Protein backbone atom coordinates (compact mmCIF):
# COMPACT_ATOMS: atom_id res chain seq x y z
CA MET A 1 38.00 49.82 16.97
CA LYS A 2 37.98 48.82 20.65
CA LYS A 3 40.98 51.06 21.35
CA LEU A 4 39.26 53.92 19.55
CA LEU A 5 36.10 53.51 21.66
CA LEU A 6 38.15 53.42 24.86
CA LEU A 7 39.97 56.57 23.76
CA CYS A 8 36.65 58.30 23.10
CA PHE A 9 35.30 57.30 26.52
CA ALA A 10 38.48 58.54 28.19
CA LEU A 11 38.27 61.85 26.37
CA ALA A 12 34.61 62.28 27.32
CA ALA A 13 35.42 61.54 30.95
CA THR A 14 38.27 64.06 30.89
CA LEU A 15 36.03 66.75 29.45
CA GLU A 16 33.33 66.01 32.01
CA LEU A 17 35.87 66.24 34.83
CA ALA A 18 37.20 69.54 33.46
CA ALA A 19 33.68 70.97 33.37
CA ALA A 20 33.02 69.78 36.91
CA ASP A 21 36.15 71.62 38.07
CA LYS A 22 34.75 74.96 36.87
CA ARG A 23 33.57 76.94 39.87
CA VAL A 24 31.94 80.36 40.21
CA LEU A 25 31.49 82.53 43.29
CA VAL A 26 28.41 84.76 43.29
CA TYR A 27 29.03 87.73 45.56
CA THR A 28 26.17 89.96 46.71
CA ARG A 29 27.40 92.26 49.48
CA ASN A 30 25.45 95.51 49.98
CA TYR A 31 26.89 97.70 52.68
CA THR A 32 27.08 101.31 53.80
CA LYS A 33 28.19 102.47 57.23
CA ASP A 34 24.89 104.31 57.76
CA GLY A 35 22.78 101.36 56.54
CA LYS A 36 20.99 103.54 53.98
CA GLY A 37 22.29 102.00 50.76
CA TYR A 38 19.75 100.61 48.32
CA VAL A 39 19.47 96.81 48.39
CA HIS A 40 17.75 95.04 45.48
CA ASP A 41 15.07 92.49 46.26
CA ASN A 42 16.24 90.35 43.34
CA ILE A 43 19.40 89.00 44.95
CA ALA A 44 18.12 85.59 46.10
CA THR A 45 16.45 85.07 42.72
CA SER A 46 19.61 86.03 40.86
CA ILE A 47 21.60 83.46 42.85
CA GLU A 48 19.08 80.74 42.04
CA MET A 49 19.22 81.67 38.35
CA ILE A 50 23.01 81.38 38.28
CA ARG A 51 22.87 78.06 40.16
CA LYS A 52 20.44 76.80 37.50
CA LEU A 53 22.72 78.01 34.71
CA GLY A 54 25.62 76.22 36.38
CA ARG A 55 23.75 72.93 36.65
CA GLU A 56 22.81 73.12 32.98
CA ASN A 57 26.19 74.25 31.66
CA GLY A 58 28.85 72.46 33.65
CA PHE A 59 29.98 74.76 36.43
CA THR A 60 29.44 74.79 40.19
CA VAL A 61 28.09 77.88 41.95
CA ASP A 62 28.78 79.09 45.48
CA ALA A 63 27.27 82.29 46.89
CA SER A 64 28.20 84.66 49.68
CA ASP A 65 27.76 88.21 50.92
CA LYS A 66 30.68 87.91 53.36
CA PRO A 67 33.87 89.80 52.44
CA SER A 68 35.83 87.23 54.45
CA VAL A 69 35.63 84.95 51.36
CA PHE A 70 38.31 87.14 49.77
CA THR A 71 41.41 85.21 50.77
CA GLU A 72 44.13 83.87 48.48
CA GLU A 73 43.40 80.26 49.38
CA ASN A 74 39.65 80.50 48.94
CA LEU A 75 39.70 82.26 45.57
CA LYS A 76 42.07 79.65 44.10
CA GLN A 77 39.07 77.35 43.60
CA TYR A 78 37.14 79.80 41.40
CA GLN A 79 37.42 80.58 37.71
CA ALA A 80 35.04 83.54 37.94
CA LEU A 81 33.51 85.99 40.40
CA VAL A 82 29.97 87.20 39.71
CA PHE A 83 29.05 90.40 41.54
CA SER A 84 25.27 90.10 41.34
CA ASN A 85 23.50 93.28 42.45
CA SER A 86 26.23 94.06 44.94
CA ASN A 87 26.33 97.73 45.94
CA ASN A 88 28.48 100.26 47.78
CA GLU A 89 31.28 98.77 49.92
CA ALA A 90 32.19 95.33 48.61
CA PHE A 91 35.20 94.87 50.89
CA GLU A 92 36.13 95.59 54.48
CA ASN A 93 39.85 96.30 54.11
CA GLU A 94 42.77 96.79 51.76
CA GLU A 95 43.94 93.19 52.01
CA GLN A 96 40.62 91.97 50.59
CA ARG A 97 40.96 94.49 47.77
CA ALA A 98 44.49 93.22 47.12
CA VAL A 99 43.21 89.62 46.96
CA PHE A 100 40.55 90.68 44.44
CA LYS A 101 43.18 92.46 42.35
CA ARG A 102 45.52 89.46 42.36
CA PHE A 103 42.62 87.19 41.33
CA VAL A 104 42.09 89.35 38.24
CA GLN A 105 45.82 89.49 37.51
CA ARG A 106 46.06 85.69 37.63
CA GLY A 107 43.54 85.52 34.79
CA GLY A 108 40.33 85.19 36.82
CA GLY A 109 36.99 86.06 35.27
CA PHE A 110 34.73 88.82 36.55
CA VAL A 111 31.02 89.37 35.84
CA GLY A 112 29.03 92.34 37.12
CA ILE A 113 25.23 92.40 37.08
CA HIS A 114 23.14 95.59 37.38
CA SER A 115 24.02 97.48 40.58
CA ALA A 116 27.48 95.91 40.72
CA SER A 117 28.60 99.12 38.99
CA GLY A 118 27.70 100.90 42.23
CA SER A 119 30.15 98.80 44.25
CA GLU A 120 33.46 100.21 45.46
CA ARG A 121 32.62 103.75 44.39
CA ASN A 122 35.87 105.07 45.84
CA TRP A 123 38.25 102.52 44.28
CA PRO A 124 39.32 103.35 40.70
CA TYR A 125 40.79 99.87 40.12
CA PHE A 126 37.35 98.30 40.59
CA TRP A 127 35.80 100.76 38.11
CA ALA A 128 38.49 99.82 35.59
CA VAL A 129 37.84 96.08 36.04
CA LEU A 130 34.09 96.44 35.75
CA GLY A 131 34.50 98.98 32.95
CA ALA A 132 32.69 101.98 34.45
CA LYS A 133 31.12 103.45 37.58
CA PHE A 134 27.41 103.93 38.29
CA ARG A 135 26.18 107.52 38.10
CA ARG A 136 22.36 107.48 38.15
CA HIS A 137 19.32 106.21 36.25
CA PRO A 138 15.99 107.57 35.03
CA PRO A 139 12.74 105.89 36.20
CA LEU A 140 12.30 102.28 35.08
CA GLN A 141 10.71 102.26 31.60
CA PRO A 142 10.75 100.47 28.23
CA PHE A 143 13.50 101.23 25.72
CA THR A 144 15.12 99.75 22.62
CA ILE A 145 18.48 98.05 22.89
CA GLN A 146 20.80 97.95 19.89
CA VAL A 147 22.77 94.70 19.73
CA LEU A 148 26.14 95.98 18.54
CA ASP A 149 27.92 92.61 18.67
CA GLN A 150 25.56 89.89 17.49
CA LYS A 151 28.33 87.27 17.67
CA HIS A 152 29.19 87.62 21.35
CA PRO A 153 27.82 84.65 23.36
CA SER A 154 25.87 87.04 25.62
CA ALA A 155 23.94 88.48 22.68
CA ALA A 156 23.98 85.97 19.81
CA HIS A 157 20.38 84.94 20.58
CA LEU A 158 18.92 88.46 20.52
CA GLY A 159 18.86 89.64 16.93
CA ALA A 160 19.63 93.22 15.89
CA THR A 161 17.46 94.88 18.55
CA TRP A 162 15.94 93.91 21.88
CA GLN A 163 12.88 95.52 23.42
CA TRP A 164 13.35 95.73 27.17
CA ALA A 165 12.16 97.64 30.24
CA ASP A 166 14.61 98.35 33.03
CA GLU A 167 16.51 100.99 34.92
CA PHE A 168 18.60 102.61 32.20
CA TYR A 169 21.94 103.04 33.93
CA TYR A 170 24.11 106.04 33.20
CA THR A 171 27.72 105.26 34.06
CA ASP A 172 30.90 107.30 33.89
CA ASN A 173 34.63 106.72 34.37
CA MET A 174 34.37 104.34 31.42
CA ASN A 175 37.34 102.21 30.53
CA PRO A 176 38.17 103.09 26.90
CA ARG A 177 39.28 99.50 26.28
CA MET A 178 35.84 97.99 26.83
CA HIS A 179 34.05 96.32 23.92
CA VAL A 180 30.40 97.41 23.84
CA ILE A 181 27.90 94.59 23.20
CA LEU A 182 24.54 96.25 23.96
CA ALA A 183 23.64 99.93 23.84
CA GLY A 184 20.29 101.51 24.68
CA GLU A 185 18.55 104.34 22.86
CA TYR A 186 18.48 107.06 25.49
CA GLY A 187 16.93 109.81 23.34
CA PRO A 188 13.28 108.75 23.87
CA LEU A 189 13.72 108.16 27.61
CA LYS A 190 11.48 110.02 30.03
CA ASP A 191 14.03 111.55 32.35
CA PRO A 192 12.93 114.49 34.51
CA LYS A 193 16.48 114.93 35.84
CA ALA A 194 18.22 115.02 32.46
CA THR A 195 21.03 117.55 32.10
CA GLU A 196 23.52 118.43 29.41
CA THR A 197 26.27 116.82 31.48
CA ASP A 198 24.71 113.35 31.42
CA PRO A 199 27.23 110.88 30.00
CA GLY A 200 24.61 109.71 27.52
CA LYS A 201 25.20 112.85 25.49
CA GLN A 202 28.62 111.52 24.48
CA PHE A 203 27.44 108.60 22.39
CA GLY A 204 25.24 110.09 19.69
CA GLY A 205 21.88 108.61 20.58
CA ILE A 206 22.82 105.33 22.27
CA PHE A 207 24.56 104.50 25.53
CA PRO A 208 26.51 101.35 26.55
CA LEU A 209 24.53 98.88 28.67
CA ALA A 210 26.59 95.69 28.38
CA TRP A 211 30.22 95.18 27.49
CA CYS A 212 33.25 92.95 27.86
CA GLN A 213 36.98 93.47 28.01
CA GLU A 214 40.30 91.90 28.87
CA TYR A 215 41.91 93.96 31.59
CA ASP A 216 44.98 93.46 33.81
CA GLY A 217 45.22 89.76 32.96
CA GLY A 218 41.55 88.80 33.45
CA ARG A 219 38.38 88.73 31.41
CA GLU A 220 35.44 90.91 32.43
CA PHE A 221 31.78 91.22 31.44
CA TYR A 222 29.16 93.64 32.73
CA THR A 223 25.45 94.12 32.10
CA ALA A 224 23.51 97.07 33.48
CA LEU A 225 20.26 95.14 33.04
CA GLY A 226 18.49 93.12 35.74
CA HIS A 227 16.47 95.27 38.14
CA LYS A 228 13.26 93.25 38.58
CA ILE A 229 12.93 89.82 40.18
CA GLU A 230 11.03 88.44 37.21
CA TYR A 231 13.84 89.24 34.80
CA TYR A 232 15.84 86.37 36.25
CA SER A 233 13.34 83.87 34.87
CA ASP A 234 13.30 85.52 31.43
CA PRO A 235 15.00 83.18 28.88
CA ASN A 236 16.63 86.02 26.95
CA PHE A 237 18.08 87.57 30.07
CA GLN A 238 19.27 84.18 31.34
CA LYS A 239 21.09 83.50 28.07
CA HIS A 240 22.56 87.01 28.19
CA VAL A 241 24.08 86.46 31.64
CA LEU A 242 25.13 82.90 30.84
CA GLY A 243 27.01 84.03 27.75
CA GLY A 244 28.92 86.55 29.83
CA ILE A 245 29.84 83.97 32.48
CA LEU A 246 31.01 81.42 29.93
CA TRP A 247 33.00 84.06 28.08
CA VAL A 248 34.96 85.23 31.14
CA MET A 249 35.73 81.60 32.02
CA ARG A 250 36.93 81.03 28.45
CA MET A 251 34.32 78.32 27.95
CA LYS A 252 33.21 80.33 24.90
CA ASN A 253 35.22 82.72 22.74
């Protein structure tokens, strides 16, 4: 019995140490050469939310908006990168892009939140990792979300539908390998700029808003939701993002 108890304690300590070794980098760079790119006011709040999720779920969180963090040596300590409301030029040079690519190819996890789909608009590899590229959005408004995968850890708490208000992102250049988790009903949207070429017309009444995939060796999750500051204190949204982070780190299947 004593040996069994010691074995149990040792196993618990090992599991605790493994959890403590899990590390996430939250990256928030917003940059355009003319300084006119849109910068969300939710960035600091989103970082605090992810730090809270880390404290409660066994992973450490660092945050930066400096592209100099993209070095081989630095990224070795992270299991996942979270691009939280990043926008436009995420990197300064091709070497940083190459480091990002190698991180994915080594099996690293990637999570994109909201305007992350507007990052690296001229780099097709980034679109493929994230799953799509931002195109535009109608005015912020309420809409119904269909939960297409009720078993995925980012959506298991939501039920069949989710009533939400946000910027309904239209994206294009979609990776056909992505697995759609949430899709919004775009038909009822008030959209004064709607055209027949909007990508939403392709999906028969709903449009992808959150998805996951395994691409080029890594695991990736993206959610288009998350415009307002207050969303980052919403329990459903917190669980949604947490499920995506845990999934890309293989802490949940």
